[in-house]
């Protein structure tokens, strides 16, 4: 159970980083209304496959650009 909690926390963290990267683009920042921003949540999981086959490429990293 603790492993699943850790996995959920990690997914929320990665989702938050991805959302921050997208929202840093002025095109998106100017497009979203206050209601859109209010509705954003790092708990979305459509990009997560909880059942089935997982492709893991250990030679490639997520491009999160954490230096910004």
C-alpha atoms as a PDB file:
ATOM      1  CA  UNK A   1       0.000   0.000   0.000  1.00  0.00           C
ATOM      2  CA  UNK A   2       2.852   2.382   0.745  1.00  0.00           C
ATOM      3  CA  UNK A   3       4.344   1.658  -2.680  1.00  0.00           C
ATOM      4  CA  UNK A   4       1.074   2.646  -4.351  1.00  0.00           C
ATOM      5  CA  UNK A   5       0.961   5.846  -2.308  1.00  0.00           C
ATOM      6  CA  UNK A   6       4.534   6.639  -3.364  1.00  0.00           C
ATOM      7  CA  UNK A   7       3.632   5.956  -6.999  1.00  0.00           C
ATOM      8  CA  UNK A   8       0.635   8.289  -6.790  1.00  0.00           C
ATOM      9  CA  UNK A   9       2.761  11.018  -5.217  1.00  0.00           C
ATOM     10  CA  UNK A  10       5.393  10.638  -7.934  1.00  0.00           C
ATOM     11  CA  UNK A  11       2.748  10.848 -10.680  1.00  0.00           C
ATOM     12  CA  UNK A  12       1.285  14.008  -9.168  1.00  0.00           C
ATOM     13  CA  UNK A  13       4.779  15.519  -8.970  1.00  0.00           C
ATOM     14  CA  UNK A  14       5.581  14.729 -12.617  1.00  0.00           C
ATOM     15  CA  UNK A  15       2.155  15.982 -13.721  1.00  0.00           C
ATOM     16  CA  UNK A  16       2.736  19.219 -11.813  1.00  0.00           C
ATOM     17  CA  UNK A  17       6.107  19.723 -13.495  1.00  0.00           C
ATOM     18  CA  UNK A  18       4.594  19.078 -16.923  1.00  0.00           C
ATOM     19  CA  UNK A  19       1.750  21.528 -16.272  1.00  0.00           C
ATOM     20  CA  UNK A  20       4.204  24.183 -15.109  1.00  0.00           C
ATOM     21  CA  UNK A  21       6.246  23.721 -18.258  1.00  0.00           C
ATOM     22  CA  UNK A  22       3.202  24.116 -20.508  1.00  0.00           C
ATOM     23  CA  UNK A  23       1.835  27.094 -18.572  1.00  0.00           C
ATOM     24  CA  UNK A  24       5.207  28.861 -18.778  1.00  0.00           C
ATOM     25  CA  UNK A  25       4.535  29.335 -22.501  1.00  0.00           C
ATOM     26  CA  UNK A  26       3.007  32.816 -22.929  1.00  0.00           C
ATOM     27  CA  UNK A  27       0.644  31.512 -25.614  1.00  0.00           C
ATOM     28  CA  UNK A  28      -1.058  29.260 -23.064  1.00  0.00           C
ATOM     29  CA  UNK A  29      -0.826  31.745 -20.215  1.00  0.00           C
ATOM     30  CA  UNK A  30      -2.743  34.344 -22.259  1.00  0.00           C
ATOM     31  CA  UNK A  31      -5.323  31.827 -23.507  1.00  0.00           C
ATOM     32  CA  UNK A  32      -6.459  30.446 -20.144  1.00  0.00           C
ATOM     33  CA  UNK A  33      -9.107  32.253 -18.130  1.00  0.00           C
ATOM     34  CA  UNK A  34      -9.261  32.347 -14.343  1.00  0.00           C
ATOM     35  CA  UNK A  35     -11.882  29.578 -14.454  1.00  0.00           C
ATOM     36  CA  UNK A  36      -9.530  27.440 -16.581  1.00  0.00           C
ATOM     37  CA  UNK A  37      -6.696  27.920 -14.115  1.00  0.00           C
ATOM     38  CA  UNK A  38      -9.008  27.122 -11.211  1.00  0.00           C
ATOM     39  CA  UNK A  39     -10.011  23.838 -12.884  1.00  0.00           C
ATOM     40  CA  UNK A  40      -6.439  22.668 -13.451  1.00  0.00           C
ATOM     41  CA  UNK A  41      -5.377  19.755 -11.325  1.00  0.00           C
ATOM     42  CA  UNK A  42      -2.168  17.691 -11.216  1.00  0.00           C
ATOM     43  CA  UNK A  43      -4.303  14.659 -10.416  1.00  0.00           C
ATOM     44  CA  UNK A  44      -5.221  13.956 -14.051  1.00  0.00           C
ATOM     45  CA  UNK A  45      -4.125  10.535 -15.184  1.00  0.00           C
ATOM     46  CA  UNK A  46      -5.106  10.043 -18.824  1.00  0.00           C
ATOM     47  CA  UNK A  47      -1.405   9.723 -19.681  1.00  0.00           C
ATOM     48  CA  UNK A  48      -0.982   6.868 -17.181  1.00  0.00           C
ATOM     49  CA  UNK A  49      -1.617   3.263 -18.152  1.00  0.00           C
ATOM     50  CA  UNK A  50      -2.445   1.529 -14.873  1.00  0.00           C
ATOM     51  CA  UNK A  51      -3.157  -1.806 -16.556  1.00  0.00           C
ATOM     52  CA  UNK A  52      -1.334  -3.495 -19.364  1.00  0.00           C
ATOM     53  CA  UNK A  53       2.083  -3.014 -20.877  1.00  0.00           C
ATOM     54  CA  UNK A  54       4.515  -0.289 -19.893  1.00  0.00           C
ATOM     55  CA  UNK A  55       7.251   0.939 -22.201  1.00  0.00           C
ATOM     56  CA  UNK A  56      10.310   1.997 -20.225  1.00  0.00           C
ATOM     57  CA  UNK A  57      13.274   3.546 -21.981  1.00  0.00           C
ATOM     58  CA  UNK A  58      16.071   3.975 -19.443  1.00  0.00           C
ATOM     59  CA  UNK A  59      18.229   5.718 -22.068  1.00  0.00           C
ATOM     60  CA  UNK A  60      15.812   8.651 -22.415  1.00  0.00           C
ATOM     61  CA  UNK A  61      14.854  11.240 -19.824  1.00  0.00           C
ATOM     62  CA  UNK A  62      11.741  13.371 -19.512  1.00  0.00           C
ATOM     63  CA  UNK A  63      12.431  16.862 -20.812  1.00  0.00           C
ATOM     64  CA  UNK A  64      11.235  18.844 -17.803  1.00  0.00           C
ATOM     65  CA  UNK A  65      13.728  21.735 -18.126  1.00  0.00           C
ATOM     66  CA  UNK A  66      14.196  22.160 -14.383  1.00  0.00           C
ATOM     67  CA  UNK A  67      16.896  24.824 -14.856  1.00  0.00           C
ATOM     68  CA  UNK A  68      14.343  27.548 -15.612  1.00  0.00           C
END
